[in-house]
């Protein structure tokens, strides 16, 4: 029986197995779908399907810099325990190595990693480690010089927060300080010009509403808003923030003193924006007892 792409896809969708594993299972069983599922189960490759519905909000962010290119990659797992697993760490490190040659997350997922795609490599690891995992995102940054920093490092080049900073010229020490600042303060954008217009408009609306509560004339309120928005920009844009190393200077002023210009940054934090399911052990036990 011919093993078609549609048949492989059907088996992948039902078991969560990798593409090559699904194809091999169908080949070994001459296209018998049920037998192929059993074949995958005996090899431990169908476990991933049972894990795929679980929330994966832990894991690691890995950073890698080669020349003027830096990448940060987030690979999630269900528990923090897996993030400390040497096998998982080795896989994440390998994914980061591949990411340097990729433009975005989709390209990375499809990229070759030791004979399998990155996506299939992660799926196979789900089966062996026993937790749901996912390649969540990657970010790429280019510049004359790119410096990386990892906060709460679990292993070399990976941890809970990964930061990349692009500079106009080499200055490793200063770049590292800026990267640590970004990790701690989490700016929304590099400058006012890069800030999402909807974020600015929303903040301005909020400040206008607050000011109007004072009952002051509109002309006075307009002047109040100018000052408040300037303060807002100083809080959320990297170049306007007070530098953590020397709060008397803005980050932009500190860069000028260091003889460089900051041209971009990336900050990825594990599980950022993922809604984690809150477990209530007492309720879980009660539900079990009720049948």
C-alpha atoms as a PDB file:
ATOM      1  CA  UNK A   1       0.000   0.000   0.000  1.00  0.00           C
ATOM      2  CA  UNK A   2       1.292   3.465  -0.898  1.00  0.00           C
ATOM      3  CA  UNK A   3       2.153   5.591   2.121  1.00  0.00           C
ATOM      4  CA  UNK A   4       0.678   8.976   1.217  1.00  0.00           C
ATOM      5  CA  UNK A   5       1.334  12.326   2.855  1.00  0.00           C
ATOM      6  CA  UNK A   6      -2.325  12.426   3.930  1.00  0.00           C
ATOM      7  CA  UNK A   7      -1.957   9.088   5.703  1.00  0.00           C
ATOM      8  CA  UNK A   8       1.188  10.273   7.494  1.00  0.00           C
ATOM      9  CA  UNK A   9      -0.570  13.465   8.558  1.00  0.00           C
ATOM     10  CA  UNK A  10      -3.563  11.522   9.896  1.00  0.00           C
ATOM     11  CA  UNK A  11      -1.282   9.345  12.017  1.00  0.00           C
ATOM     12  CA  UNK A  12       0.685  12.364  13.256  1.00  0.00           C
ATOM     13  CA  UNK A  13      -2.509  14.187  14.229  1.00  0.00           C
ATOM     14  CA  UNK A  14      -3.874  11.193  16.145  1.00  0.00           C
ATOM     15  CA  UNK A  15      -0.693  10.257  17.996  1.00  0.00           C
ATOM     16  CA  UNK A  16       1.457  13.377  18.192  1.00  0.00           C
ATOM     17  CA  UNK A  17       4.381  11.423  16.734  1.00  0.00           C
ATOM     18  CA  UNK A  18       6.998  13.080  14.532  1.00  0.00           C
ATOM     19  CA  UNK A  19       6.664  13.001  10.756  1.00  0.00           C
ATOM     20  CA  UNK A  20       9.493  10.545  10.130  1.00  0.00           C
ATOM     21  CA  UNK A  21       8.334   8.287  12.956  1.00  0.00           C
ATOM     22  CA  UNK A  22       4.773   8.271  11.592  1.00  0.00           C
ATOM     23  CA  UNK A  23       6.014   7.436   8.098  1.00  0.00           C
ATOM     24  CA  UNK A  24       8.203   4.626   9.420  1.00  0.00           C
ATOM     25  CA  UNK A  25       5.310   3.192  11.458  1.00  0.00           C
ATOM     26  CA  UNK A  26       3.069   3.114   8.394  1.00  0.00           C
ATOM     27  CA  UNK A  27       5.820   1.555   6.302  1.00  0.00           C
ATOM     28  CA  UNK A  28       6.468  -1.127   8.907  1.00  0.00           C
ATOM     29  CA  UNK A  29       2.748  -1.968   9.118  1.00  0.00           C
ATOM     30  CA  UNK A  30       2.041  -1.689   5.378  1.00  0.00           C
ATOM     31  CA  UNK A  31      -0.299   1.280   5.851  1.00  0.00           C
ATOM     32  CA  UNK A  32      -2.482  -0.302   8.553  1.00  0.00           C
ATOM     33  CA  UNK A  33      -3.458   2.719  10.681  1.00  0.00           C
ATOM     34  CA  UNK A  34      -4.368   0.800  13.863  1.00  0.00           C
ATOM     35  CA  UNK A  35      -1.256  -1.338  13.647  1.00  0.00           C
ATOM     36  CA  UNK A  36       0.821   1.803  13.066  1.00  0.00           C
ATOM     37  CA  UNK A  37      -0.583   3.379  16.244  1.00  0.00           C
ATOM     38  CA  UNK A  38       0.325   0.217  18.177  1.00  0.00           C
ATOM     39  CA  UNK A  39       3.797   0.228  16.620  1.00  0.00           C
ATOM     40  CA  UNK A  40       4.349   3.801  17.783  1.00  0.00           C
ATOM     41  CA  UNK A  41       3.086   2.979  21.261  1.00  0.00           C
ATOM     42  CA  UNK A  42       5.501   0.055  21.591  1.00  0.00           C
ATOM     43  CA  UNK A  43       8.335   2.380  20.637  1.00  0.00           C
ATOM     44  CA  UNK A  44       7.174   4.997  23.135  1.00  0.00           C
ATOM     45  CA  UNK A  45       6.515   7.495  20.353  1.00  0.00           C
ATOM     46  CA  UNK A  46       2.776   7.958  20.798  1.00  0.00           C
ATOM     47  CA  UNK A  47       2.993   9.350  24.309  1.00  0.00           C
ATOM     48  CA  UNK A  48       3.246  12.886  23.052  1.00  0.00           C
ATOM     49  CA  UNK A  49      -0.422  12.955  22.071  1.00  0.00           C
ATOM     50  CA  UNK A  50      -1.491  12.430  25.671  1.00  0.00           C
ATOM     51  CA  UNK A  51       0.717  15.284  26.832  1.00  0.00           C
ATOM     52  CA  UNK A  52      -0.183  17.836  24.171  1.00  0.00           C
ATOM     53  CA  UNK A  53      -3.181  19.289  26.013  1.00  0.00           C
ATOM     54  CA  UNK A  54      -1.220  20.191  29.110  1.00  0.00           C
ATOM     55  CA  UNK A  55      -0.080  23.733  29.743  1.00  0.00           C
ATOM     56  CA  UNK A  56       3.643  24.163  29.138  1.00  0.00           C
ATOM     57  CA  UNK A  57       4.574  27.419  30.846  1.00  0.00           C
ATOM     58  CA  UNK A  58       7.964  26.507  32.310  1.00  0.00           C
ATOM     59  CA  UNK A  59      11.165  25.658  30.460  1.00  0.00           C
ATOM     60  CA  UNK A  60      14.161  27.682  29.324  1.00  0.00           C
ATOM     61  CA  UNK A  61      15.223  30.621  27.196  1.00  0.00           C
ATOM     62  CA  UNK A  62      18.531  30.054  25.406  1.00  0.00           C
ATOM     63  CA  UNK A  63      20.657  32.764  23.804  1.00  0.00           C
ATOM     64  CA  UNK A  64      23.314  32.400  21.135  1.00  0.00           C
ATOM     65  CA  UNK A  65      25.496  35.026  19.443  1.00  0.00           C
ATOM     66  CA  UNK A  66      27.597  34.527  16.333  1.00  0.00           C
ATOM     67  CA  UNK A  67      29.299  37.617  14.986  1.00  0.00           C
ATOM     68  CA  UNK A  68      26.732  40.362  14.596  1.00  0.00           C
ATOM     69  CA  UNK A  69      23.747  38.002  14.917  1.00  0.00           C
ATOM     70  CA  UNK A  70      22.068  37.067  18.168  1.00  0.00           C
ATOM     71  CA  UNK A  71      19.072  34.804  18.791  1.00  0.00           C
ATOM     72  CA  UNK A  72      16.935  34.068  21.831  1.00  0.00           C
ATOM     73  CA  UNK A  73      14.768  30.944  21.845  1.00  0.00           C
ATOM     74  CA  UNK A  74      12.053  29.883  24.298  1.00  0.00           C
ATOM     75  CA  UNK A  75      11.306  26.177  24.640  1.00  0.00           C
ATOM     76  CA  UNK A  76       8.574  25.382  27.150  1.00  0.00           C
ATOM     77  CA  UNK A  77       7.924  22.415  29.414  1.00  0.00           C
ATOM     78  CA  UNK A  78       5.241  21.709  32.001  1.00  0.00           C
ATOM     79  CA  UNK A  79       7.436  21.867  35.096  1.00  0.00           C
ATOM     80  CA  UNK A  80      10.486  23.728  36.271  1.00  0.00           C
ATOM     81  CA  UNK A  81      12.002  20.344  37.123  1.00  0.00           C
ATOM     82  CA  UNK A  82      12.398  19.505  33.424  1.00  0.00           C
ATOM     83  CA  UNK A  83      14.203  22.813  32.904  1.00  0.00           C
ATOM     84  CA  UNK A  84      16.953  21.383  35.128  1.00  0.00           C
ATOM     85  CA  UNK A  85      17.096  18.126  33.166  1.00  0.00           C
ATOM     86  CA  UNK A  86      20.432  17.754  31.330  1.00  0.00           C
ATOM     87  CA  UNK A  87      18.753  16.008  28.372  1.00  0.00           C
ATOM     88  CA  UNK A  88      16.255  18.864  27.976  1.00  0.00           C
ATOM     89  CA  UNK A  89      19.009  21.468  28.331  1.00  0.00           C
ATOM     90  CA  UNK A  90      21.099  19.778  25.646  1.00  0.00           C
ATOM     91  CA  UNK A  91      18.120  19.829  23.289  1.00  0.00           C
ATOM     92  CA  UNK A  92      17.398  23.519  23.960  1.00  0.00           C
ATOM     93  CA  UNK A  93      21.052  24.368  23.373  1.00  0.00           C
ATOM     94  CA  UNK A  94      20.906  22.527  20.053  1.00  0.00           C
ATOM     95  CA  UNK A  95      17.753  24.410  19.060  1.00  0.00           C
ATOM     96  CA  UNK A  96      19.524  27.714  19.779  1.00  0.00           C
ATOM     97  CA  UNK A  97      22.467  26.643  17.591  1.00  0.00           C
ATOM     98  CA  UNK A  98      20.074  25.984  14.703  1.00  0.00           C
ATOM     99  CA  UNK A  99      18.190  29.253  15.328  1.00  0.00           C
ATOM    100  CA  UNK A 100      21.206  31.365  14.349  1.00  0.00           C
ATOM    101  CA  UNK A 101      20.567  30.374  10.720  1.00  0.00           C
ATOM    102  CA  UNK A 102      16.776  30.975  10.861  1.00  0.00           C
ATOM    103  CA  UNK A 103      14.705  34.095  10.257  1.00  0.00           C
ATOM    104  CA  UNK A 104      11.749  33.322  12.526  1.00  0.00           C
ATOM    105  CA  UNK A 105       9.989  30.713  14.673  1.00  0.00           C
ATOM    106  CA  UNK A 106       8.283  28.951  11.752  1.00  0.00           C
ATOM    107  CA  UNK A 107      11.575  28.585   9.911  1.00  0.00           C
ATOM    108  CA  UNK A 108      13.216  27.278  13.070  1.00  0.00           C
ATOM    109  CA  UNK A 109      10.477  24.685  13.659  1.00  0.00           C
ATOM    110  CA  UNK A 110      11.013  23.323  10.133  1.00  0.00           C
ATOM    111  CA  UNK A 111      14.827  23.494  10.219  1.00  0.00           C
ATOM    112  CA  UNK A 112      16.938  20.348  10.285  1.00  0.00           C
ATOM    113  CA  UNK A 113      18.380  19.254  13.622  1.00  0.00           C
ATOM    114  CA  UNK A 114      20.331  16.007  13.359  1.00  0.00           C
ATOM    115  CA  UNK A 115      18.163  14.481  10.653  1.00  0.00           C
ATOM    116  CA  UNK A 116      14.800  15.602  12.054  1.00  0.00           C
ATOM    117  CA  UNK A 117      13.056  18.939  12.039  1.00  0.00           C
ATOM    118  CA  UNK A 118      13.297  20.945  15.253  1.00  0.00           C
ATOM    119  CA  UNK A 119       9.547  20.466  15.769  1.00  0.00           C
ATOM    120  CA  UNK A 120       9.837  16.679  15.414  1.00  0.00           C
ATOM    121  CA  UNK A 121      12.892  16.608  17.675  1.00  0.00           C
ATOM    122  CA  UNK A 122      10.891  18.301  20.426  1.00  0.00           C
ATOM    123  CA  UNK A 123       7.932  15.946  19.877  1.00  0.00           C
ATOM    124  CA  UNK A 124      10.222  12.944  20.213  1.00  0.00           C
ATOM    125  CA  UNK A 125      11.622  14.381  23.447  1.00  0.00           C
ATOM    126  CA  UNK A 126       8.076  14.663  24.816  1.00  0.00           C
ATOM    127  CA  UNK A 127       7.842  10.900  24.503  1.00  0.00           C
ATOM    128  CA  UNK A 128      11.124  10.217  26.305  1.00  0.00           C
ATOM    129  CA  UNK A 129      10.899  12.829  29.063  1.00  0.00           C
ATOM    130  CA  UNK A 130       7.142  12.500  29.588  1.00  0.00           C
ATOM    131  CA  UNK A 131       6.004  16.135  29.635  1.00  0.00           C
ATOM    132  CA  UNK A 132       4.410  18.372  27.067  1.00  0.00           C
ATOM    133  CA  UNK A 133       6.956  20.673  25.433  1.00  0.00           C
ATOM    134  CA  UNK A 134       6.801  23.288  22.730  1.00  0.00           C
ATOM    135  CA  UNK A 135       8.935  25.652  20.724  1.00  0.00           C
ATOM    136  CA  UNK A 136       7.133  28.843  21.654  1.00  0.00           C
ATOM    137  CA  UNK A 137       9.083  31.643  20.007  1.00  0.00           C
ATOM    138  CA  UNK A 138      12.429  32.963  18.882  1.00  0.00           C
ATOM    139  CA  UNK A 139      13.758  36.479  18.371  1.00  0.00           C
ATOM    140  CA  UNK A 140      16.641  37.540  16.161  1.00  0.00           C
ATOM    141  CA  UNK A 141      18.771  40.679  16.574  1.00  0.00           C
ATOM    142  CA  UNK A 142      21.514  41.998  14.329  1.00  0.00           C
ATOM    143  CA  UNK A 143      24.015  44.796  14.892  1.00  0.00           C
ATOM    144  CA  UNK A 144      27.650  45.808  14.636  1.00  0.00           C
ATOM    145  CA  UNK A 145      27.993  44.089  18.014  1.00  0.00           C
ATOM    146  CA  UNK A 146      25.474  41.918  19.863  1.00  0.00           C
ATOM    147  CA  UNK A 147      25.835  41.108  23.564  1.00  0.00           C
ATOM    148  CA  UNK A 148      23.837  38.460  25.432  1.00  0.00           C
ATOM    149  CA  UNK A 149      22.898  37.957  29.068  1.00  0.00           C
ATOM    150  CA  UNK A 150      20.955  35.237  30.883  1.00  0.00           C
ATOM    151  CA  UNK A 151      19.260  35.845  34.216  1.00  0.00           C
ATOM    152  CA  UNK A 152      18.743  32.919  36.617  1.00  0.00           C
ATOM    153  CA  UNK A 153      21.001  30.732  34.481  1.00  0.00           C
ATOM    154  CA  UNK A 154      20.242  27.010  34.633  1.00  0.00           C
ATOM    155  CA  UNK A 155      23.188  26.162  32.386  1.00  0.00           C
ATOM    156  CA  UNK A 156      25.592  27.985  30.091  1.00  0.00           C
ATOM    157  CA  UNK A 157      23.629  30.331  27.818  1.00  0.00           C
ATOM    158  CA  UNK A 158      20.165  29.454  29.098  1.00  0.00           C
ATOM    159  CA  UNK A 159      17.870  30.365  31.969  1.00  0.00           C
ATOM    160  CA  UNK A 160      14.586  32.049  32.876  1.00  0.00           C
ATOM    161  CA  UNK A 161      15.265  35.384  31.127  1.00  0.00           C
ATOM    162  CA  UNK A 162      17.372  35.864  28.018  1.00  0.00           C
ATOM    163  CA  UNK A 163      18.443  39.286  26.758  1.00  0.00           C
ATOM    164  CA  UNK A 164      20.210  40.480  23.619  1.00  0.00           C
ATOM    165  CA  UNK A 165      21.498  44.041  23.128  1.00  0.00           C
ATOM    166  CA  UNK A 166      22.754  45.423  19.805  1.00  0.00           C
ATOM    167  CA  UNK A 167      25.388  48.172  19.825  1.00  0.00           C
ATOM    168  CA  UNK A 168      26.886  50.345  17.108  1.00  0.00           C
ATOM    169  CA  UNK A 169      30.408  49.259  18.121  1.00  0.00           C
ATOM    170  CA  UNK A 170      32.201  46.725  20.329  1.00  0.00           C
ATOM    171  CA  UNK A 171      31.846  47.341  24.064  1.00  0.00           C
ATOM    172  CA  UNK A 172      31.193  44.017  25.787  1.00  0.00           C
ATOM    173  CA  UNK A 173      31.274  45.377  29.350  1.00  0.00           C
ATOM    174  CA  UNK A 174      28.786  48.181  28.707  1.00  0.00           C
ATOM    175  CA  UNK A 175      26.576  45.923  26.589  1.00  0.00           C
ATOM    176  CA  UNK A 176      26.384  43.448  29.452  1.00  0.00           C
ATOM    177  CA  UNK A 177      25.358  46.220  31.853  1.00  0.00           C
ATOM    178  CA  UNK A 178      22.591  47.323  29.501  1.00  0.00           C
ATOM    179  CA  UNK A 179      21.446  43.710  29.075  1.00  0.00           C
ATOM    180  CA  UNK A 180      21.228  43.323  32.863  1.00  0.00           C
ATOM    181  CA  UNK A 181      19.243  46.582  33.006  1.00  0.00           C
ATOM    182  CA  UNK A 182      16.819  45.244  30.383  1.00  0.00           C
ATOM    183  CA  UNK A 183      16.421  41.977  32.308  1.00  0.00           C
ATOM    184  CA  UNK A 184      15.609  43.843  35.525  1.00  0.00           C
ATOM    185  CA  UNK A 185      13.477  46.752  34.258  1.00  0.00           C
ATOM    186  CA  UNK A 186      11.788  45.172  31.204  1.00  0.00           C
ATOM    187  CA  UNK A 187      11.325  48.253  28.978  1.00  0.00           C
ATOM    188  CA  UNK A 188       8.465  48.218  26.480  1.00  0.00           C
ATOM    189  CA  UNK A 189      10.538  49.576  23.593  1.00  0.00           C
ATOM    190  CA  UNK A 190      13.893  51.083  22.665  1.00  0.00           C
ATOM    191  CA  UNK A 191      12.575  54.624  22.219  1.00  0.00           C
ATOM    192  CA  UNK A 192       9.364  56.598  21.893  1.00  0.00           C
ATOM    193  CA  UNK A 193       9.495  56.104  18.114  1.00  0.00           C
ATOM    194  CA  UNK A 194       9.347  52.305  18.579  1.00  0.00           C
ATOM    195  CA  UNK A 195       6.551  52.297  21.130  1.00  0.00           C
ATOM    196  CA  UNK A 196       3.210  50.891  20.006  1.00  0.00           C
ATOM    197  CA  UNK A 197       0.938  53.844  19.159  1.00  0.00           C
ATOM    198  CA  UNK A 198      -2.034  52.135  20.802  1.00  0.00           C
ATOM    199  CA  UNK A 199      -0.100  51.903  24.093  1.00  0.00           C
ATOM    200  CA  UNK A 200       0.694  55.623  23.952  1.00  0.00           C
ATOM    201  CA  UNK A 201      -2.897  56.559  23.118  1.00  0.00           C
ATOM    202  CA  UNK A 202      -4.296  54.385  25.883  1.00  0.00           C
ATOM    203  CA  UNK A 203      -1.985  55.936  28.470  1.00  0.00           C
ATOM    204  CA  UNK A 204      -2.824  59.445  27.267  1.00  0.00           C
ATOM    205  CA  UNK A 205      -6.549  58.704  27.564  1.00  0.00           C
ATOM    206  CA  UNK A 206      -6.105  57.383  31.096  1.00  0.00           C
ATOM    207  CA  UNK A 207      -4.088  60.423  32.111  1.00  0.00           C
ATOM    208  CA  UNK A 208      -6.654  62.782  30.556  1.00  0.00           C
ATOM    209  CA  UNK A 209      -9.461  61.111  32.517  1.00  0.00           C
ATOM    210  CA  UNK A 210      -7.458  61.353  35.751  1.00  0.00           C
ATOM    211  CA  UNK A 211      -6.662  65.020  35.124  1.00  0.00           C
ATOM    212  CA  UNK A 212     -10.272  65.897  34.352  1.00  0.00           C
ATOM    213  CA  UNK A 213     -11.289  64.517  37.734  1.00  0.00           C
ATOM    214  CA  UNK A 214      -9.414  67.475  39.236  1.00  0.00           C
ATOM    215  CA  UNK A 215     -11.911  69.872  37.636  1.00  0.00           C
ATOM    216  CA  UNK A 216      -9.172  72.033  36.127  1.00  0.00           C
ATOM    217  CA  UNK A 217      -9.695  73.881  32.796  1.00  0.00           C
ATOM    218  CA  UNK A 218      -8.841  72.022  29.575  1.00  0.00           C
ATOM    219  CA  UNK A 219      -5.918  74.360  28.843  1.00  0.00           C
ATOM    220  CA  UNK A 220      -4.346  73.467  32.189  1.00  0.00           C
ATOM    221  CA  UNK A 221      -5.081  69.773  31.678  1.00  0.00           C
ATOM    222  CA  UNK A 222      -3.286  69.794  28.306  1.00  0.00           C
ATOM    223  CA  UNK A 223      -0.130  71.121  29.993  1.00  0.00           C
ATOM    224  CA  UNK A 224      -0.448  68.521  32.750  1.00  0.00           C
ATOM    225  CA  UNK A 225      -0.665  65.741  30.155  1.00  0.00           C
ATOM    226  CA  UNK A 226       2.562  66.844  28.453  1.00  0.00           C
ATOM    227  CA  UNK A 227       4.465  66.400  31.705  1.00  0.00           C
ATOM    228  CA  UNK A 228       2.783  63.121  32.589  1.00  0.00           C
ATOM    229  CA  UNK A 229       3.437  61.587  29.169  1.00  0.00           C
ATOM    230  CA  UNK A 230       7.086  62.633  29.372  1.00  0.00           C
ATOM    231  CA  UNK A 231       7.301  60.798  32.692  1.00  0.00           C
ATOM    232  CA  UNK A 232       5.573  57.766  31.154  1.00  0.00           C
ATOM    233  CA  UNK A 233       8.108  57.634  28.317  1.00  0.00           C
ATOM    234  CA  UNK A 234      10.930  57.821  30.837  1.00  0.00           C
ATOM    235  CA  UNK A 235       9.487  54.778  32.563  1.00  0.00           C
ATOM    236  CA  UNK A 236       8.804  52.501  29.585  1.00  0.00           C
ATOM    237  CA  UNK A 237      11.403  53.298  26.883  1.00  0.00           C
ATOM    238  CA  UNK A 238      14.928  51.957  27.349  1.00  0.00           C
ATOM    239  CA  UNK A 239      16.871  54.991  26.161  1.00  0.00           C
ATOM    240  CA  UNK A 240      14.916  57.328  28.469  1.00  0.00           C
ATOM    241  CA  UNK A 241      15.062  55.141  31.581  1.00  0.00           C
ATOM    242  CA  UNK A 242      17.362  55.924  34.497  1.00  0.00           C
ATOM    243  CA  UNK A 243      20.341  53.568  34.093  1.00  0.00           C
ATOM    244  CA  UNK A 244      20.385  51.033  36.937  1.00  0.00           C
ATOM    245  CA  UNK A 245      24.187  51.207  37.117  1.00  0.00           C
ATOM    246  CA  UNK A 246      24.102  55.004  37.486  1.00  0.00           C
ATOM    247  CA  UNK A 247      20.574  56.412  38.065  1.00  0.00           C
ATOM    248  CA  UNK A 248      21.885  59.946  37.533  1.00  0.00           C
ATOM    249  CA  UNK A 249      22.141  59.149  33.824  1.00  0.00           C
ATOM    250  CA  UNK A 250      19.592  57.933  31.323  1.00  0.00           C
ATOM    251  CA  UNK A 251      20.555  54.783  29.428  1.00  0.00           C
ATOM    252  CA  UNK A 252      21.028  56.906  26.302  1.00  0.00           C
ATOM    253  CA  UNK A 253      23.378  59.278  28.132  1.00  0.00           C
ATOM    254  CA  UNK A 254      25.322  56.347  29.574  1.00  0.00           C
ATOM    255  CA  UNK A 255      25.704  54.899  26.074  1.00  0.00           C
ATOM    256  CA  UNK A 256      27.052  58.215  24.825  1.00  0.00           C
ATOM    257  CA  UNK A 257      29.624  58.233  27.613  1.00  0.00           C
ATOM    258  CA  UNK A 258      30.583  54.678  26.673  1.00  0.00           C
ATOM    259  CA  UNK A 259      31.102  55.765  23.061  1.00  0.00           C
ATOM    260  CA  UNK A 260      28.378  53.585  21.542  1.00  0.00           C
ATOM    261  CA  UNK A 261      24.763  53.741  20.418  1.00  0.00           C
ATOM    262  CA  UNK A 262      22.185  51.147  21.456  1.00  0.00           C
ATOM    263  CA  UNK A 263      20.439  50.074  18.252  1.00  0.00           C
ATOM    264  CA  UNK A 264      18.096  47.385  19.560  1.00  0.00           C
ATOM    265  CA  UNK A 265      17.295  44.844  22.261  1.00  0.00           C
ATOM    266  CA  UNK A 266      15.369  41.630  22.819  1.00  0.00           C
ATOM    267  CA  UNK A 267      14.055  40.272  26.112  1.00  0.00           C
ATOM    268  CA  UNK A 268      12.387  36.862  26.408  1.00  0.00           C
ATOM    269  CA  UNK A 269      11.121  35.514  29.718  1.00  0.00           C
ATOM    270  CA  UNK A 270       9.952  31.941  30.204  1.00  0.00           C
ATOM    271  CA  UNK A 271       6.173  31.639  30.306  1.00  0.00           C
ATOM    272  CA  UNK A 272       5.592  35.348  29.737  1.00  0.00           C
ATOM    273  CA  UNK A 273       1.933  35.872  28.808  1.00  0.00           C
ATOM    274  CA  UNK A 274       0.930  32.231  29.249  1.00  0.00           C
ATOM    275  CA  UNK A 275      -2.079  31.728  31.490  1.00  0.00           C
ATOM    276  CA  UNK A 276      -1.133  29.048  33.984  1.00  0.00           C
ATOM    277  CA  UNK A 277      -3.812  26.758  35.348  1.00  0.00           C
ATOM    278  CA  UNK A 278      -4.112  27.124  39.103  1.00  0.00           C
ATOM    279  CA  UNK A 279      -4.283  23.703  40.714  1.00  0.00           C
ATOM    280  CA  UNK A 280      -6.312  23.202  43.898  1.00  0.00           C
ATOM    281  CA  UNK A 281      -5.221  19.913  45.433  1.00  0.00           C
ATOM    282  CA  UNK A 282      -8.114  19.743  47.934  1.00  0.00           C
ATOM    283  CA  UNK A 283     -10.690  20.238  45.174  1.00  0.00           C
ATOM    284  CA  UNK A 284      -8.941  17.667  42.990  1.00  0.00           C
ATOM    285  CA  UNK A 285      -9.077  15.038  45.778  1.00  0.00           C
ATOM    286  CA  UNK A 286     -12.731  15.832  46.538  1.00  0.00           C
ATOM    287  CA  UNK A 287     -13.647  15.456  42.863  1.00  0.00           C
ATOM    288  CA  UNK A 288     -11.838  12.113  42.707  1.00  0.00           C
ATOM    289  CA  UNK A 289     -13.682  10.811  45.780  1.00  0.00           C
ATOM    290  CA  UNK A 290     -17.011  11.801  44.242  1.00  0.00           C
ATOM    291  CA  UNK A 291     -16.176   9.734  41.215  1.00  0.00           C
END
